[in-house]
Amino acid sequence: MATYTEIDELLATDEPTGLRRRVAVGTMVAADAIRQETDDATQVVRERKRFAQQIFKTMLNPALQLSRDDDAGLAFVGVFEGVYRAVLIANLGASKSAITGASDSAVQAAVNDAVDLLAANFPDPVTP
């Protein structure tokens, strides 16, 4: 099991396996899958597509931020960083070496779960 200190180290730096970059690539793959979803008539798909659009906008301009209201107030987290944090915390039960040595398919599965969570009820930037 990764210690909190090890997770904090992974949050603060990108270790030699490039986990943060692999999560970013996985996030773009997940966004592309959302882009291809076809039932635009449902609110859920529209929210997911807004999230995917934000991912691709952020890819072009990393200064763009994802904002979420939470109990502590308004939190600002970069889209990729939010997915990265969710992936790390979801794998807290694994060792640091298992997390950083995960296969691309394992990283993609963790990213897909994180994206599904973050894309749910994604706010429309036009309406408050």
N, C-alpha and C. Protein backbone atom coordinates (compact mmCIF):
# COMPACT_ATOMS: atom_id res chain seq x y z
N MET A 1 0.85 -1.18 0.00
CA MET A 1 0.00 0.00 0.00
C MET A 1 0.89 1.25 0.00
N ALA A 2 0.61 2.17 -0.89
CA ALA A 2 1.37 3.41 -0.94
C ALA A 2 1.04 4.24 0.30
N THR A 3 2.08 4.82 0.86
CA THR A 3 1.86 5.69 2.02
C THR A 3 1.37 7.04 1.53
N TYR A 4 0.83 7.80 2.45
CA TYR A 4 0.39 9.15 2.09
C TYR A 4 1.57 9.98 1.61
N THR A 5 2.73 9.77 2.20
CA THR A 5 3.93 10.50 1.79
C THR A 5 4.29 10.15 0.35
N GLU A 6 4.20 8.86 -0.01
CA GLU A 6 4.51 8.45 -1.38
C GLU A 6 3.51 9.04 -2.37
N ILE A 7 2.24 9.04 -2.01
CA ILE A 7 1.22 9.65 -2.88
C ILE A 7 1.50 11.13 -3.02
N ASP A 8 1.85 11.79 -1.92
CA ASP A 8 2.18 13.22 -1.98
C ASP A 8 3.37 13.46 -2.89
N GLU A 9 4.38 12.59 -2.84
CA GLU A 9 5.53 12.71 -3.73
C GLU A 9 5.12 12.58 -5.19
N LEU A 10 4.21 11.65 -5.48
CA LEU A 10 3.73 11.47 -6.86
C LEU A 10 2.92 12.68 -7.31
N LEU A 11 2.22 13.31 -6.38
CA LEU A 11 1.46 14.52 -6.72
C LEU A 11 2.41 15.69 -7.01
N ALA A 12 3.51 15.75 -6.29
CA ALA A 12 4.41 16.89 -6.38
C ALA A 12 5.37 16.81 -7.56
N THR A 13 5.71 15.61 -8.00
CA THR A 13 6.70 15.46 -9.06
C THR A 13 6.24 14.41 -10.06
N ASP A 14 6.88 14.36 -11.19
CA ASP A 14 6.63 13.29 -12.15
C ASP A 14 7.85 12.38 -12.13
N GLU A 15 7.63 11.17 -11.65
CA GLU A 15 8.74 10.24 -11.53
C GLU A 15 9.15 9.71 -12.90
N PRO A 16 10.23 8.96 -12.98
CA PRO A 16 10.80 8.56 -14.27
C PRO A 16 9.86 7.77 -15.20
N THR A 17 8.83 7.11 -14.66
CA THR A 17 7.95 6.35 -15.55
C THR A 17 6.98 7.24 -16.32
N GLY A 18 6.92 8.54 -15.94
CA GLY A 18 6.05 9.46 -16.65
C GLY A 18 4.57 9.21 -16.42
N LEU A 19 4.22 8.79 -15.21
CA LEU A 19 2.82 8.46 -14.93
C LEU A 19 1.89 9.62 -15.23
N ARG A 20 2.28 10.84 -14.84
CA ARG A 20 1.42 12.00 -15.09
C ARG A 20 1.18 12.19 -16.59
N ARG A 21 2.21 12.01 -17.40
CA ARG A 21 2.05 12.14 -18.86
C ARG A 21 1.19 11.01 -19.41
N ARG A 22 1.33 9.79 -18.87
CA ARG A 22 0.49 8.68 -19.33
C ARG A 22 -0.97 8.90 -18.96
N VAL A 23 -1.20 9.47 -17.78
CA VAL A 23 -2.58 9.81 -17.39
C VAL A 23 -3.14 10.89 -18.31
N ALA A 24 -2.31 11.87 -18.69
CA ALA A 24 -2.77 12.92 -19.61
C ALA A 24 -3.16 12.31 -20.96
N VAL A 25 -2.35 11.40 -21.47
CA VAL A 25 -2.68 10.74 -22.75
C VAL A 25 -3.97 9.93 -22.58
N GLY A 26 -4.08 9.20 -21.48
CA GLY A 26 -5.30 8.43 -21.23
C GLY A 26 -6.53 9.31 -21.12
N THR A 27 -6.36 10.51 -20.57
CA THR A 27 -7.47 11.45 -20.46
C THR A 27 -7.93 11.91 -21.84
N MET A 28 -6.98 12.14 -22.73
CA MET A 28 -7.35 12.54 -24.09
C MET A 28 -8.03 11.38 -24.82
N VAL A 29 -7.59 10.15 -24.58
CA VAL A 29 -8.25 8.98 -25.18
C VAL A 29 -9.68 8.86 -24.67
N ALA A 30 -9.87 9.06 -23.36
CA ALA A 30 -11.21 9.00 -22.78
C ALA A 30 -12.10 10.12 -23.33
N ALA A 31 -11.53 11.31 -23.51
CA ALA A 31 -12.28 12.43 -24.06
C ALA A 31 -12.70 12.14 -25.50
N ASP A 32 -11.83 11.50 -26.25
CA ASP A 32 -12.18 11.16 -27.63
C ASP A 32 -13.31 10.14 -27.66
N ALA A 33 -13.31 9.20 -26.74
CA ALA A 33 -14.42 8.23 -26.66
C ALA A 33 -15.73 8.94 -26.34
N ILE A 34 -15.67 9.92 -25.43
CA ILE A 34 -16.87 10.70 -25.11
C ILE A 34 -17.33 11.49 -26.33
N ARG A 35 -16.38 12.05 -27.06
CA ARG A 35 -16.71 12.83 -28.27
C ARG A 35 -17.52 11.99 -29.24
N GLN A 36 -17.30 10.70 -29.26
CA GLN A 36 -17.97 9.82 -30.20
C GLN A 36 -19.31 9.29 -29.69
N GLU A 37 -19.68 9.61 -28.45
CA GLU A 37 -20.98 9.20 -27.94
C GLU A 37 -22.06 9.87 -28.78
N THR A 38 -23.14 9.16 -29.05
CA THR A 38 -24.09 9.64 -30.05
C THR A 38 -25.40 10.20 -29.51
N ASP A 39 -25.80 9.90 -28.31
CA ASP A 39 -27.11 10.31 -27.84
C ASP A 39 -27.07 11.71 -27.24
N ASP A 40 -26.94 12.72 -28.09
CA ASP A 40 -26.84 14.11 -27.63
C ASP A 40 -28.11 14.62 -26.98
N ALA A 41 -29.20 13.89 -27.13
CA ALA A 41 -30.47 14.36 -26.59
C ALA A 41 -30.51 14.23 -25.06
N THR A 42 -29.66 13.41 -24.48
CA THR A 42 -29.70 13.24 -23.04
C THR A 42 -28.78 14.24 -22.36
N GLN A 43 -29.20 14.70 -21.21
CA GLN A 43 -28.43 15.67 -20.42
C GLN A 43 -27.06 15.10 -20.06
N VAL A 44 -27.01 13.82 -19.72
CA VAL A 44 -25.75 13.20 -19.30
C VAL A 44 -24.71 13.27 -20.42
N VAL A 45 -25.11 12.96 -21.64
CA VAL A 45 -24.16 12.99 -22.75
C VAL A 45 -23.71 14.41 -23.03
N ARG A 46 -24.61 15.37 -22.93
CA ARG A 46 -24.21 16.78 -23.15
C ARG A 46 -23.19 17.21 -22.09
N GLU A 47 -23.40 16.81 -20.84
CA GLU A 47 -22.45 17.15 -19.78
C GLU A 47 -21.10 16.50 -20.05
N ARG A 48 -21.12 15.24 -20.45
CA ARG A 48 -19.87 14.53 -20.73
C ARG A 48 -19.14 15.17 -21.91
N LYS A 49 -19.89 15.59 -22.92
CA LYS A 49 -19.25 16.22 -24.08
C LYS A 49 -18.66 17.57 -23.70
N ARG A 50 -19.29 18.31 -22.79
CA ARG A 50 -18.71 19.57 -22.30
C ARG A 50 -17.38 19.28 -21.61
N PHE A 51 -17.35 18.21 -20.83
CA PHE A 51 -16.12 17.84 -20.14
C PHE A 51 -15.03 17.49 -21.17
N ALA A 52 -15.39 16.69 -22.18
CA ALA A 52 -14.43 16.31 -23.22
C ALA A 52 -13.92 17.55 -23.95
N GLN A 53 -14.82 18.47 -24.24
CA GLN A 53 -14.42 19.70 -24.91
C GLN A 53 -13.42 20.48 -24.05
N GLN A 54 -13.66 20.52 -22.75
CA GLN A 54 -12.75 21.21 -21.84
C GLN A 54 -11.38 20.53 -21.83
N ILE A 55 -11.36 19.22 -21.91
CA ILE A 55 -10.09 18.50 -21.96
C ILE A 55 -9.29 18.92 -23.19
N PHE A 56 -9.93 18.94 -24.34
CA PHE A 56 -9.21 19.31 -25.56
C PHE A 56 -8.83 20.79 -25.57
N LYS A 57 -9.66 21.65 -25.00
CA LYS A 57 -9.29 23.06 -24.89
C LYS A 57 -8.07 23.22 -23.99
N THR A 58 -8.05 22.49 -22.90
CA THR A 58 -6.93 22.55 -21.97
C THR A 58 -5.66 22.02 -22.63
N MET A 59 -5.82 21.01 -23.48
CA MET A 59 -4.66 20.47 -24.18
C MET A 59 -4.03 21.57 -25.04
N LEU A 60 -4.86 22.42 -25.61
CA LEU A 60 -4.35 23.51 -26.45
C LEU A 60 -3.86 24.68 -25.61
N ASN A 61 -4.45 24.87 -24.44
CA ASN A 61 -4.09 26.00 -23.59
C ASN A 61 -4.10 25.54 -22.13
N PRO A 62 -2.96 25.09 -21.60
CA PRO A 62 -2.92 24.56 -20.24
C PRO A 62 -3.32 25.57 -19.17
N ALA A 63 -3.40 26.84 -19.51
CA ALA A 63 -3.79 27.84 -18.52
C ALA A 63 -5.28 27.74 -18.19
N LEU A 64 -6.07 27.11 -19.07
CA LEU A 64 -7.49 26.96 -18.78
C LEU A 64 -7.66 26.05 -17.57
N GLN A 65 -8.60 26.38 -16.74
CA GLN A 65 -8.79 25.64 -15.49
C GLN A 65 -10.20 25.07 -15.42
N LEU A 66 -10.31 23.99 -14.69
CA LEU A 66 -11.60 23.39 -14.36
C LEU A 66 -11.96 23.88 -12.96
N SER A 67 -13.14 24.44 -12.79
CA SER A 67 -13.53 24.89 -11.46
C SER A 67 -14.70 24.05 -10.99
N ARG A 68 -14.71 23.76 -9.72
CA ARG A 68 -15.79 23.00 -9.10
C ARG A 68 -16.14 23.66 -7.78
N ASP A 69 -17.41 23.73 -7.46
CA ASP A 69 -17.81 24.16 -6.13
C ASP A 69 -17.71 22.95 -5.22
N ASP A 70 -17.14 23.14 -4.06
CA ASP A 70 -17.12 22.07 -3.07
C ASP A 70 -17.38 22.69 -1.70
N ASP A 71 -17.38 21.86 -0.67
CA ASP A 71 -17.72 22.35 0.67
C ASP A 71 -16.76 23.43 1.15
N ALA A 72 -15.55 23.44 0.62
CA ALA A 72 -14.56 24.43 1.05
C ALA A 72 -14.63 25.70 0.23
N GLY A 73 -15.54 25.78 -0.71
CA GLY A 73 -15.64 26.94 -1.57
C GLY A 73 -15.29 26.56 -2.99
N LEU A 74 -14.84 27.52 -3.76
CA LEU A 74 -14.53 27.28 -5.16
C LEU A 74 -13.09 26.79 -5.28
N ALA A 75 -12.93 25.59 -5.84
CA ALA A 75 -11.59 25.02 -6.00
C ALA A 75 -11.22 25.04 -7.47
N PHE A 76 -10.01 25.39 -7.78
CA PHE A 76 -9.53 25.40 -9.15
C PHE A 76 -8.46 24.33 -9.31
N VAL A 77 -8.70 23.44 -10.23
CA VAL A 77 -7.76 22.35 -10.49
C VAL A 77 -7.69 22.17 -11.99
N GLY A 78 -6.48 22.06 -12.53
CA GLY A 78 -6.35 21.78 -13.95
C GLY A 78 -7.03 20.47 -14.28
N VAL A 79 -7.63 20.37 -15.44
CA VAL A 79 -8.39 19.18 -15.82
C VAL A 79 -7.52 17.93 -15.71
N PHE A 80 -6.35 17.93 -16.33
CA PHE A 80 -5.50 16.75 -16.28
C PHE A 80 -5.06 16.45 -14.85
N GLU A 81 -4.77 17.48 -14.11
CA GLU A 81 -4.33 17.28 -12.73
C GLU A 81 -5.44 16.68 -11.89
N GLY A 82 -6.68 17.09 -12.14
CA GLY A 82 -7.81 16.51 -11.43
C GLY A 82 -7.95 15.02 -11.71
N VAL A 83 -7.78 14.63 -12.95
CA VAL A 83 -7.84 13.21 -13.31
C VAL A 83 -6.67 12.48 -12.67
N TYR A 84 -5.48 13.07 -12.73
CA TYR A 84 -4.29 12.45 -12.14
C TYR A 84 -4.49 12.20 -10.65
N ARG A 85 -5.01 13.18 -9.94
CA ARG A 85 -5.26 13.02 -8.50
C ARG A 85 -6.26 11.91 -8.24
N ALA A 86 -7.33 11.88 -9.02
CA ALA A 86 -8.35 10.85 -8.85
C ALA A 86 -7.77 9.45 -9.09
N VAL A 87 -6.91 9.32 -10.10
CA VAL A 87 -6.27 8.03 -10.40
C VAL A 87 -5.38 7.60 -9.24
N LEU A 88 -4.59 8.51 -8.71
CA LEU A 88 -3.71 8.17 -7.59
C LEU A 88 -4.50 7.71 -6.37
N ILE A 89 -5.51 8.47 -6.02
CA ILE A 89 -6.27 8.15 -4.81
C ILE A 89 -7.06 6.86 -4.98
N ALA A 90 -7.56 6.60 -6.17
CA ALA A 90 -8.29 5.35 -6.42
C ALA A 90 -7.38 4.13 -6.27
N ASN A 91 -6.09 4.33 -6.42
CA ASN A 91 -5.13 3.23 -6.33
C ASN A 91 -4.30 3.28 -5.06
N LEU A 92 -4.81 3.91 -4.04
CA LEU A 92 -4.09 4.06 -2.78
C LEU A 92 -3.73 2.71 -2.17
N GLY A 93 -4.53 1.69 -2.43
CA GLY A 93 -4.26 0.36 -1.86
C GLY A 93 -3.10 -0.36 -2.52
N ALA A 94 -2.62 0.14 -3.65
CA ALA A 94 -1.49 -0.49 -4.35
C ALA A 94 -0.19 0.14 -3.87
N SER A 95 0.89 -0.58 -4.08
CA SER A 95 2.19 -0.02 -3.71
C SER A 95 2.57 1.08 -4.70
N LYS A 96 3.51 1.92 -4.29
CA LYS A 96 3.98 2.99 -5.17
C LYS A 96 4.54 2.39 -6.45
N SER A 97 5.30 1.31 -6.35
CA SER A 97 5.88 0.70 -7.55
C SER A 97 4.80 0.11 -8.45
N ALA A 98 3.73 -0.42 -7.88
CA ALA A 98 2.63 -0.93 -8.70
C ALA A 98 1.91 0.21 -9.40
N ILE A 99 1.74 1.32 -8.73
CA ILE A 99 1.07 2.48 -9.33
C ILE A 99 1.91 3.02 -10.49
N THR A 100 3.19 3.26 -10.23
CA THR A 100 4.04 3.85 -11.27
C THR A 100 4.38 2.86 -12.38
N GLY A 101 4.31 1.57 -12.08
CA GLY A 101 4.63 0.56 -13.08
C GLY A 101 3.41 -0.02 -13.78
N ALA A 102 2.25 0.58 -13.57
CA ALA A 102 1.02 0.06 -14.16
C ALA A 102 1.11 0.06 -15.69
N SER A 103 0.48 -0.93 -16.30
CA SER A 103 0.45 -1.00 -17.76
C SER A 103 -0.42 0.12 -18.31
N ASP A 104 -0.25 0.39 -19.60
CA ASP A 104 -1.08 1.41 -20.24
C ASP A 104 -2.56 1.07 -20.12
N SER A 105 -2.91 -0.21 -20.24
CA SER A 105 -4.33 -0.58 -20.15
C SER A 105 -4.86 -0.38 -18.73
N ALA A 106 -4.03 -0.63 -17.72
CA ALA A 106 -4.46 -0.39 -16.34
C ALA A 106 -4.61 1.11 -16.08
N VAL A 107 -3.68 1.90 -16.61
CA VAL A 107 -3.78 3.36 -16.48
C VAL A 107 -5.04 3.84 -17.17
N GLN A 108 -5.33 3.33 -18.37
CA GLN A 108 -6.51 3.77 -19.11
C GLN A 108 -7.79 3.43 -18.35
N ALA A 109 -7.84 2.24 -17.75
CA ALA A 109 -9.04 1.85 -16.98
C ALA A 109 -9.24 2.79 -15.79
N ALA A 110 -8.15 3.14 -15.11
CA ALA A 110 -8.26 4.06 -13.97
C ALA A 110 -8.66 5.46 -14.44
N VAL A 111 -8.11 5.89 -15.56
CA VAL A 111 -8.46 7.19 -16.12
C VAL A 111 -9.93 7.21 -16.52
N ASN A 112 -10.41 6.16 -17.17
CA ASN A 112 -11.82 6.10 -17.58
C ASN A 112 -12.73 6.24 -16.37
N ASP A 113 -12.41 5.56 -15.26
CA ASP A 113 -13.22 5.68 -14.05
C ASP A 113 -13.20 7.11 -13.52
N ALA A 114 -12.02 7.73 -13.52
CA ALA A 114 -11.90 9.11 -13.03
C ALA A 114 -12.68 10.07 -13.92
N VAL A 115 -12.56 9.89 -15.23
CA VAL A 115 -13.27 10.77 -16.17
C VAL A 115 -14.77 10.60 -16.01
N ASP A 116 -15.25 9.36 -15.83
CA ASP A 116 -16.68 9.15 -15.62
C ASP A 116 -17.16 9.91 -14.39
N LEU A 117 -16.36 9.90 -13.34
CA LEU A 117 -16.73 10.63 -12.13
C LEU A 117 -16.73 12.14 -12.35
N LEU A 118 -15.66 12.65 -12.95
CA LEU A 118 -15.53 14.09 -13.14
C LEU A 118 -16.46 14.66 -14.20
N ALA A 119 -16.81 13.84 -15.18
CA ALA A 119 -17.67 14.33 -16.26
C ALA A 119 -19.14 14.37 -15.85
N ALA A 120 -19.49 13.67 -14.79
CA ALA A 120 -20.88 13.64 -14.34
C ALA A 120 -21.29 15.03 -13.86
N ASN A 121 -22.41 15.50 -14.33
CA ASN A 121 -22.94 16.81 -13.95
C ASN A 121 -21.96 17.95 -14.24
N PHE A 122 -21.19 17.80 -15.32
CA PHE A 122 -20.22 18.85 -15.65
C PHE A 122 -20.98 20.12 -16.00
N PRO A 123 -20.62 21.24 -15.37
CA PRO A 123 -21.41 22.45 -15.54
C PRO A 123 -21.28 23.07 -16.93
N ASP A 124 -22.37 23.68 -17.33
CA ASP A 124 -22.37 24.44 -18.58
C ASP A 124 -21.69 25.78 -18.27
N PRO A 125 -20.60 26.11 -18.97
CA PRO A 125 -19.89 27.34 -18.64
C PRO A 125 -20.70 28.60 -18.93
N VAL A 126 -21.77 28.48 -19.72
CA VAL A 126 -22.57 29.65 -20.07
C VAL A 126 -23.54 30.01 -18.95
N THR A 127 -24.06 29.00 -18.26
CA THR A 127 -25.03 29.25 -17.22
C THR A 127 -24.39 29.07 -15.85
N PRO A 128 -24.66 29.96 -14.92
CA PRO A 128 -24.05 29.86 -13.57
C PRO A 128 -24.60 28.71 -12.78
